[in-house]
Amino acid sequence: MNLTAVTEASWKVTLLESINKRCVFLEHAVSLTGLSNVQVIRERAEVGFLTFGLGNS
């Protein structure tokens, strides 16, 4: 389990998930824990990496 968002509150964490049902769960978990540095994005990794400039250069 990765607790980066909890232990490094100054970091911004993006959770990229393509399945809406999982996104709803992740958004709920983020809301319950009160983590303001986490965002959940529903997108396929192939598109998400290109959108956020994380793909191979």
PDB file of N, CA and C in Angstrom:
ATOM      1  N   MET A   1       0.842  -1.178   0.000  1.00  0.00           N
ATOM      2  CA  MET A   1       0.000   0.000   0.000  1.00  0.00           C
ATOM      3  C   MET A   1       0.889   1.243   0.000  1.00  0.00           C
ATOM      4  N   ASN A   2       0.575   2.176  -0.856  1.00  0.00           N
ATOM      5  CA  ASN A   2       1.358   3.401  -0.964  1.00  0.00           C
ATOM      6  C   ASN A   2       0.695   4.506  -0.156  1.00  0.00           C
ATOM      7  N   LEU A   3       1.392   5.002   0.842  1.00  0.00           N
ATOM      8  CA  LEU A   3       0.844   6.050   1.702  1.00  0.00           C
ATOM      9  C   LEU A   3       1.486   7.403   1.438  1.00  0.00           C
ATOM     10  N   THR A   4       1.982   7.609   0.242  1.00  0.00           N
ATOM     11  CA  THR A   4       2.679   8.846  -0.096  1.00  0.00           C
ATOM     12  C   THR A   4       1.822  10.068   0.177  1.00  0.00           C
ATOM     13  N   ALA A   5       0.554  10.042  -0.193  1.00  0.00           N
ATOM     14  CA  ALA A   5      -0.331  11.197  -0.009  1.00  0.00           C
ATOM     15  C   ALA A   5      -0.501  11.536   1.466  1.00  0.00           C
ATOM     16  N   VAL A   6      -0.406  10.535   2.317  1.00  0.00           N
ATOM     17  CA  VAL A   6      -0.566  10.764   3.753  1.00  0.00           C
ATOM     18  C   VAL A   6       0.733  11.274   4.362  1.00  0.00           C
ATOM     19  N   THR A   7       1.835  10.644   4.008  1.00  0.00           N
ATOM     20  CA  THR A   7       3.108  10.981   4.630  1.00  0.00           C
ATOM     21  C   THR A   7       3.760  12.221   4.040  1.00  0.00           C
ATOM     22  N   GLU A   8       3.432  12.548   2.811  1.00  0.00           N
ATOM     23  CA  GLU A   8       4.009  13.720   2.139  1.00  0.00           C
ATOM     24  C   GLU A   8       2.890  14.678   1.762  1.00  0.00           C
ATOM     25  N   ALA A   9       2.335  15.344   2.754  1.00  0.00           N
ATOM     26  CA  ALA A   9       1.175  16.216   2.540  1.00  0.00           C
ATOM     27  C   ALA A   9       1.461  17.379   1.590  1.00  0.00           C
ATOM     28  N   SER A  10       2.715  17.726   1.399  1.00  0.00           N
ATOM     29  CA  SER A  10       3.044  18.830   0.497  1.00  0.00           C
ATOM     30  C   SER A  10       3.045  18.389  -0.969  1.00  0.00           C
ATOM     31  N   TRP A  11       3.002  17.093  -1.225  1.00  0.00           N
ATOM     32  CA  TRP A  11       2.984  16.579  -2.589  1.00  0.00           C
ATOM     33  C   TRP A  11       1.554  16.546  -3.115  1.00  0.00           C
ATOM     34  N   LYS A  12       1.411  16.639  -4.428  1.00  0.00           N
ATOM     35  CA  LYS A  12       0.115  16.452  -5.072  1.00  0.00           C
ATOM     36  C   LYS A  12       0.123  15.076  -5.714  1.00  0.00           C
ATOM     37  N   VAL A  13      -0.905  14.281  -5.428  1.00  0.00           N
ATOM     38  CA  VAL A  13      -0.984  12.909  -5.910  1.00  0.00           C
ATOM     39  C   VAL A  13      -2.170  12.781  -6.858  1.00  0.00           C
ATOM     40  N   THR A  14      -1.927  12.206  -8.027  1.00  0.00           N
ATOM     41  CA  THR A  14      -2.985  11.965  -9.006  1.00  0.00           C
ATOM     42  C   THR A  14      -3.186  10.467  -9.155  1.00  0.00           C
ATOM     43  N   LEU A  15      -4.432  10.040  -8.967  1.00  0.00           N
ATOM     44  CA  LEU A  15      -4.801   8.642  -9.158  1.00  0.00           C
ATOM     45  C   LEU A  15      -5.503   8.544 -10.506  1.00  0.00           C
ATOM     46  N   LEU A  16      -4.941   7.767 -11.401  1.00  0.00           N
ATOM     47  CA  LEU A  16      -5.451   7.619 -12.759  1.00  0.00           C
ATOM     48  C   LEU A  16      -6.113   6.257 -12.883  1.00  0.00           C
ATOM     49  N   GLU A  17      -7.417   6.241 -13.140  1.00  0.00           N
ATOM     50  CA  GLU A  17      -8.182   4.994 -13.209  1.00  0.00           C
ATOM     51  C   GLU A  17      -9.172   5.091 -14.362  1.00  0.00           C
ATOM     52  N   SER A  18      -9.310   4.025 -15.134  1.00  0.00           N
ATOM     53  CA  SER A  18     -10.190   4.054 -16.298  1.00  0.00           C
ATOM     54  C   SER A  18     -11.610   3.565 -16.008  1.00  0.00           C
ATOM     55  N   ILE A  19     -11.795   2.845 -14.926  1.00  0.00           N
ATOM     56  CA  ILE A  19     -13.112   2.270 -14.626  1.00  0.00           C
ATOM     57  C   ILE A  19     -13.863   3.174 -13.652  1.00  0.00           C
ATOM     58  N   ASN A  20     -15.043   3.622 -14.073  1.00  0.00           N
ATOM     59  CA  ASN A  20     -15.817   4.580 -13.287  1.00  0.00           C
ATOM     60  C   ASN A  20     -16.130   4.066 -11.882  1.00  0.00           C
ATOM     61  N   LYS A  21     -16.478   2.801 -11.751  1.00  0.00           N
ATOM     62  CA  LYS A  21     -16.821   2.240 -10.440  1.00  0.00           C
ATOM     63  C   LYS A  21     -15.652   2.381  -9.461  1.00  0.00           C
ATOM     64  N   ARG A  22     -14.452   2.155  -9.942  1.00  0.00           N
ATOM     65  CA  ARG A  22     -13.267   2.314  -9.085  1.00  0.00           C
ATOM     66  C   ARG A  22     -13.021   3.780  -8.765  1.00  0.00           C
ATOM     67  N   CYS A  23     -13.264   4.649  -9.733  1.00  0.00           N
ATOM     68  CA  CYS A  23     -13.090   6.090  -9.492  1.00  0.00           C
ATOM     69  C   CYS A  23     -14.022   6.577  -8.398  1.00  0.00           C
ATOM     70  N   VAL A  24     -15.267   6.128  -8.452  1.00  0.00           N
ATOM     71  CA  VAL A  24     -16.237   6.509  -7.421  1.00  0.00           C
ATOM     72  C   VAL A  24     -15.744   6.062  -6.049  1.00  0.00           C
ATOM     73  N   PHE A  25     -15.239   4.826  -5.958  1.00  0.00           N
ATOM     74  CA  PHE A  25     -14.695   4.328  -4.702  1.00  0.00           C
ATOM     75  C   PHE A  25     -13.500   5.169  -4.238  1.00  0.00           C
ATOM     76  N   LEU A  26     -12.571   5.447  -5.154  1.00  0.00           N
ATOM     77  CA  LEU A  26     -11.382   6.228  -4.794  1.00  0.00           C
ATOM     78  C   LEU A  26     -11.758   7.629  -4.343  1.00  0.00           C
ATOM     79  N   GLU A  27     -12.697   8.262  -5.050  1.00  0.00           N
ATOM     80  CA  GLU A  27     -13.142   9.602  -4.657  1.00  0.00           C
ATOM     81  C   GLU A  27     -13.768   9.573  -3.271  1.00  0.00           C
ATOM     82  N   HIS A  28     -14.537   8.530  -2.986  1.00  0.00           N
ATOM     83  CA  HIS A  28     -15.150   8.388  -1.670  1.00  0.00           C
ATOM     84  C   HIS A  28     -14.078   8.211  -0.589  1.00  0.00           C
ATOM     85  N   ALA A  29     -13.088   7.370  -0.860  1.00  0.00           N
ATOM     86  CA  ALA A  29     -12.009   7.140   0.107  1.00  0.00           C
ATOM     87  C   ALA A  29     -11.215   8.420   0.347  1.00  0.00           C
ATOM     88  N   VAL A  30     -10.937   9.163  -0.703  1.00  0.00           N
ATOM     89  CA  VAL A  30     -10.210  10.428  -0.567  1.00  0.00           C
ATOM     90  C   VAL A  30     -11.032  11.409   0.267  1.00  0.00           C
ATOM     91  N   SER A  31     -12.333  11.454   0.010  1.00  0.00           N
ATOM     92  CA  SER A  31     -13.211  12.345   0.764  1.00  0.00           C
ATOM     93  C   SER A  31     -13.261  11.973   2.250  1.00  0.00           C
ATOM     94  N   LEU A  32     -13.393  10.680   2.518  1.00  0.00           N
ATOM     95  CA  LEU A  32     -13.457  10.231   3.919  1.00  0.00           C
ATOM     96  C   LEU A  32     -12.173  10.515   4.685  1.00  0.00           C
ATOM     97  N   THR A  33     -11.042  10.384   4.021  1.00  0.00           N
ATOM     98  CA  THR A  33      -9.767  10.600   4.700  1.00  0.00           C
ATOM     99  C   THR A  33      -9.386  12.076   4.768  1.00  0.00           C
ATOM    100  N   GLY A  34     -10.069  12.903   3.980  1.00  0.00           N
ATOM    101  CA  GLY A  34      -9.791  14.336   4.015  1.00  0.00           C
ATOM    102  C   GLY A  34      -8.484  14.722   3.348  1.00  0.00           C
ATOM    103  N   LEU A  35      -8.008  13.904   2.429  1.00  0.00           N
ATOM    104  CA  LEU A  35      -6.750  14.204   1.747  1.00  0.00           C
ATOM    105  C   LEU A  35      -6.995  15.251   0.657  1.00  0.00           C
ATOM    106  N   SER A  36      -6.550  16.450   0.888  1.00  0.00           N
ATOM    107  CA  SER A  36      -6.771  17.538  -0.070  1.00  0.00           C
ATOM    108  C   SER A  36      -5.718  17.548  -1.176  1.00  0.00           C
ATOM    109  N   ASN A  37      -4.693  16.727  -1.042  1.00  0.00           N
ATOM    110  CA  ASN A  37      -3.622  16.704  -2.033  1.00  0.00           C
ATOM    111  C   ASN A  37      -3.759  15.550  -3.031  1.00  0.00           C
ATOM    112  N   VAL A  38      -4.946  14.933  -3.079  1.00  0.00           N
ATOM    113  CA  VAL A  38      -5.172  13.805  -3.972  1.00  0.00           C
ATOM    114  C   VAL A  38      -6.307  14.134  -4.933  1.00  0.00           C
ATOM    115  N   GLN A  39      -6.065  13.872  -6.221  1.00  0.00           N
ATOM    116  CA  GLN A  39      -7.136  14.005  -7.208  1.00  0.00           C
ATOM    117  C   GLN A  39      -7.292  12.673  -7.940  1.00  0.00           C
ATOM    118  N   VAL A  40      -8.541  12.349  -8.286  1.00  0.00           N
ATOM    119  CA  VAL A  40      -8.842  11.127  -9.008  1.00  0.00           C
ATOM    120  C   VAL A  40      -9.292  11.525 -10.406  1.00  0.00           C
ATOM    121  N   ILE A  41      -8.675  10.929 -11.412  1.00  0.00           N
ATOM    122  CA  ILE A  41      -9.010  11.231 -12.794  1.00  0.00           C
ATOM    123  C   ILE A  41      -9.412   9.944 -13.491  1.00  0.00           C
ATOM    124  N   ARG A  42     -10.589   9.967 -14.141  1.00  0.00           N
ATOM    125  CA  ARG A  42     -11.041   8.808 -14.903  1.00  0.00           C
ATOM    126  C   ARG A  42     -10.569   8.937 -16.334  1.00  0.00           C
ATOM    127  N   GLU A  43      -9.569   8.150 -16.650  1.00  0.00           N
ATOM    128  CA  GLU A  43      -8.969   8.185 -17.988  1.00  0.00           C
ATOM    129  C   GLU A  43      -8.115   6.948 -18.165  1.00  0.00           C
ATOM    130  N   ARG A  44      -7.980   6.510 -19.383  1.00  0.00           N
ATOM    131  CA  ARG A  44      -7.075   5.397 -19.681  1.00  0.00           C
ATOM    132  C   ARG A  44      -5.642   5.883 -19.533  1.00  0.00           C
ATOM    133  N   ALA A  45      -4.767   5.015 -19.098  1.00  0.00           N
ATOM    134  CA  ALA A  45      -3.370   5.385 -18.864  1.00  0.00           C
ATOM    135  C   ALA A  45      -2.721   5.925 -20.133  1.00  0.00           C
ATOM    136  N   GLU A  46      -3.024   5.307 -21.275  1.00  0.00           N
ATOM    137  CA  GLU A  46      -2.413   5.739 -22.529  1.00  0.00           C
ATOM    138  C   GLU A  46      -2.732   7.203 -22.825  1.00  0.00           C
ATOM    139  N   VAL A  47      -3.954   7.599 -22.551  1.00  0.00           N
ATOM    140  CA  VAL A  47      -4.390   8.978 -22.792  1.00  0.00           C
ATOM    141  C   VAL A  47      -3.929   9.880 -21.649  1.00  0.00           C
ATOM    142  N   GLY A  48      -4.058   9.386 -20.432  1.00  0.00           N
ATOM    143  CA  GLY A  48      -3.681  10.177 -19.264  1.00  0.00           C
ATOM    144  C   GLY A  48      -2.219  10.575 -19.257  1.00  0.00           C
ATOM    145  N   PHE A  49      -1.349   9.657 -19.626  1.00  0.00           N
ATOM    146  CA  PHE A  49       0.076   9.965 -19.656  1.00  0.00           C
ATOM    147  C   PHE A  49       0.373  11.053 -20.674  1.00  0.00           C
ATOM    148  N   LEU A  50      -0.268  10.981 -21.823  1.00  0.00           N
ATOM    149  CA  LEU A  50      -0.063  12.005 -22.851  1.00  0.00           C
ATOM    150  C   LEU A  50      -0.646  13.340 -22.408  1.00  0.00           C
ATOM    151  N   THR A  51      -1.815  13.301 -21.785  1.00  0.00           N
ATOM    152  CA  THR A  51      -2.475  14.528 -21.328  1.00  0.00           C
ATOM    153  C   THR A  51      -1.638  15.252 -20.277  1.00  0.00           C
ATOM    154  N   PHE A  52      -1.023  14.495 -19.384  1.00  0.00           N
ATOM    155  CA  PHE A  52      -0.243  15.091 -18.304  1.00  0.00           C
ATOM    156  C   PHE A  52       1.236  15.177 -18.626  1.00  0.00           C
ATOM    157  N   GLY A  53       1.616  14.845 -19.832  1.00  0.00           N
ATOM    158  CA  GLY A  53       3.015  14.954 -20.243  1.00  0.00           C
ATOM    159  C   GLY A  53       3.935  13.961 -19.561  1.00  0.00           C
ATOM    160  N   LEU A  54       3.392  12.784 -19.209  1.00  0.00           N
ATOM    161  CA  LEU A  54       4.209  11.786 -18.513  1.00  0.00           C
ATOM    162  C   LEU A  54       4.715  10.692 -19.431  1.00  0.00           C
ATOM    163  N   GLY A  55       4.351  10.757 -20.701  1.00  0.00           N
ATOM    164  CA  GLY A  55       4.765   9.723 -21.638  1.00  0.00           C
ATOM    165  C   GLY A  55       6.222   9.863 -22.004  1.00  0.00           C
ATOM    166  N   ASN A  56       6.727   8.900 -22.777  1.00  0.00           N
ATOM    167  CA  ASN A  56       8.127   8.944 -23.219  1.00  0.00           C
ATOM    168  C   ASN A  56       8.345  10.131 -24.134  1.00  0.00           C
ATOM    169  N   SER A  57       9.466  10.816 -23.961  1.00  0.00           N
ATOM    170  CA  SER A  57       9.767  11.974 -24.779  1.00  0.00           C
ATOM    171  C   SER A  57      10.557  11.580 -25.990  1.00  0.00           C
TER     172      SER A  57
END
